[in-house]
Structure formats: structure tokens, C-alpha cells
Amino acid sequence: MIIAAILWKLKSEWAEARGERFDLGGSLIYGVALVGLMYGFSLLPALSGAWLITVGILGIAAFIWWEMRVRSPVLDMSLYLQYVKDLTPQSAGLILVAQPAMMAIVSPFAGRVSDRVAARAIASLGMALTTVGLTMLVFVDQDTLTAFIVVSLIVLGLGFGLFSSPNTNAVMSAVEKRFYGVASGTLATMRMTGQMFSMGIAMLIISIFVGRVEITPEHFSELVTSMQVAFIVFATLCFGGIFASLARG
């Protein structure tokens, strides 16, 4: 139904890609590397998990090597870079919706502004606000007021909203029309890869601080600690992302 609506309403613009071939080798290497990394994270701290992660890292390295040499790469290397508060599921969901709601409100406006103002500046501001929101969440514990959590999520959603659309705009504007499919696919792949890596990092931190136990009240303090460490890691990564966003032309 969605495909039919697209074909009916969406005006298309042909972009010639004559001579481009599907990079089967790169796609296979990349798929094996991602499976190794994510399945490896789920097996930690078992030794087999460490081996799979190693295979995944080597696979990513092999993928980069391959993509820099194949004529029609799938990723053109020259183009790119939720117990403790005792809330009901409904209440927790209403609190968590603050972040995506703010993002949905801000993203369309940010995208329009990025057409007139340097997209990298808006995207970098969004990454900075994301860092601030994650840093605020570092201080969340059993005694944190719900209002503070909501404000933190709003700041986080504002940062996501200011980053997402302008970042897409910046990337898509930096490539030729014949690379639009590659650029769009790469953005989606990098987004999903980031989500998978964040889940892997969170699982690893929880396994270190909480271990393979049922989450009961006696383990709440360890769970909170693992959450705080995870937010520190993510805030640090996003802080570095500010400068990576500013560095592009």
C-alpha cells in the first residue's frame, strides 16, 4: 500500500548510474562483520563472544580495504564519516515519549533552516545538545525527580531533531545525483549500525556491573550504576561527534 502511494504521488527524478555494479563482495563482508560484532556482544563475557567480536572488527577492516579498491563500492569511502522508579509501563512510556515527540516537532523546522544556514553548524549544535542531554541522564538515580528525567529527554530530543535532518541534508547535498541511492542507503545503514553498537555497549556494561542475574530490588543499585556508566560512554562519543560534524566542509 505504501509502495502504491509512493508510485502514485511521489514525483521522481531520474539519476543515471550507468556502469555501476552491485558490490556483492563488500555486502557479504559487511554482513558477516556486523553479525560477528552483534552476536559476539550478546555472548560476552564468554570467550566465544570475544572471538566473534574480533572476527567482526577484522571484517570491518577487510570491508574498508575492499571498498577502497573495488570499482563500484556499496560504501564509497570517499563520500563519507529503559524497575528502579517503580513506574507502570504506561507512565514510563509517557515519560519516554518526550524525546521522540520533541524530535518530531523540531526535525522538520531544522531541515528547512538547514537549506538556508550551514547544515553542519545546525547539525553540530544538535550533537552538542545531545551531549548535554546524555550528560544530564548520567545523574539519574533512584531519587531523581521525574521532572528532571523529562527535561533531560526533551533536551535529548531537541538535539536529535537539530542533528538528524540537517545531517541528512549535508550528506545528500555533498554527493552527485547518481550517488543519491548510495548516500541514502549508507545513512540508513550507519544509523542502524549505531543503534546496534549502542545496544551492544549497553549489554556489555550491564553484564559487567549486574551480571547474569534477575533484576530484583537487591540489584537495583548495580543497574543504576551500569546505566550511569553507559550514559557517560555515550555522552563522550557524542562529544567527539561535535567536532567530527564541524570538521566537514
Foldseek 3Di string as FASTA:
>chain_A
DVVVCCVVPPDDDDDDDPPADDPPVLVVLLVQLLCLCLVLLVPPPDPSSVVSPVSSVVSVVVSVVVLPPDPHHLANPVLDDAPLLPDDPVVRVVLLVLQQVLLVVQQVVLLVVCVVDPLLVQLLVLLVLLLVLLLLLLPDASPDDSVSSSVSSNSNSNSCSSNPNSVLVVSCVRDDPSCNVSSVVVVVVVVVSVVSVLVSQLSNLCCVQQNPDDDDPVRRVSVSNSSSVSSVVVSVVSVVVSVVSVPDD
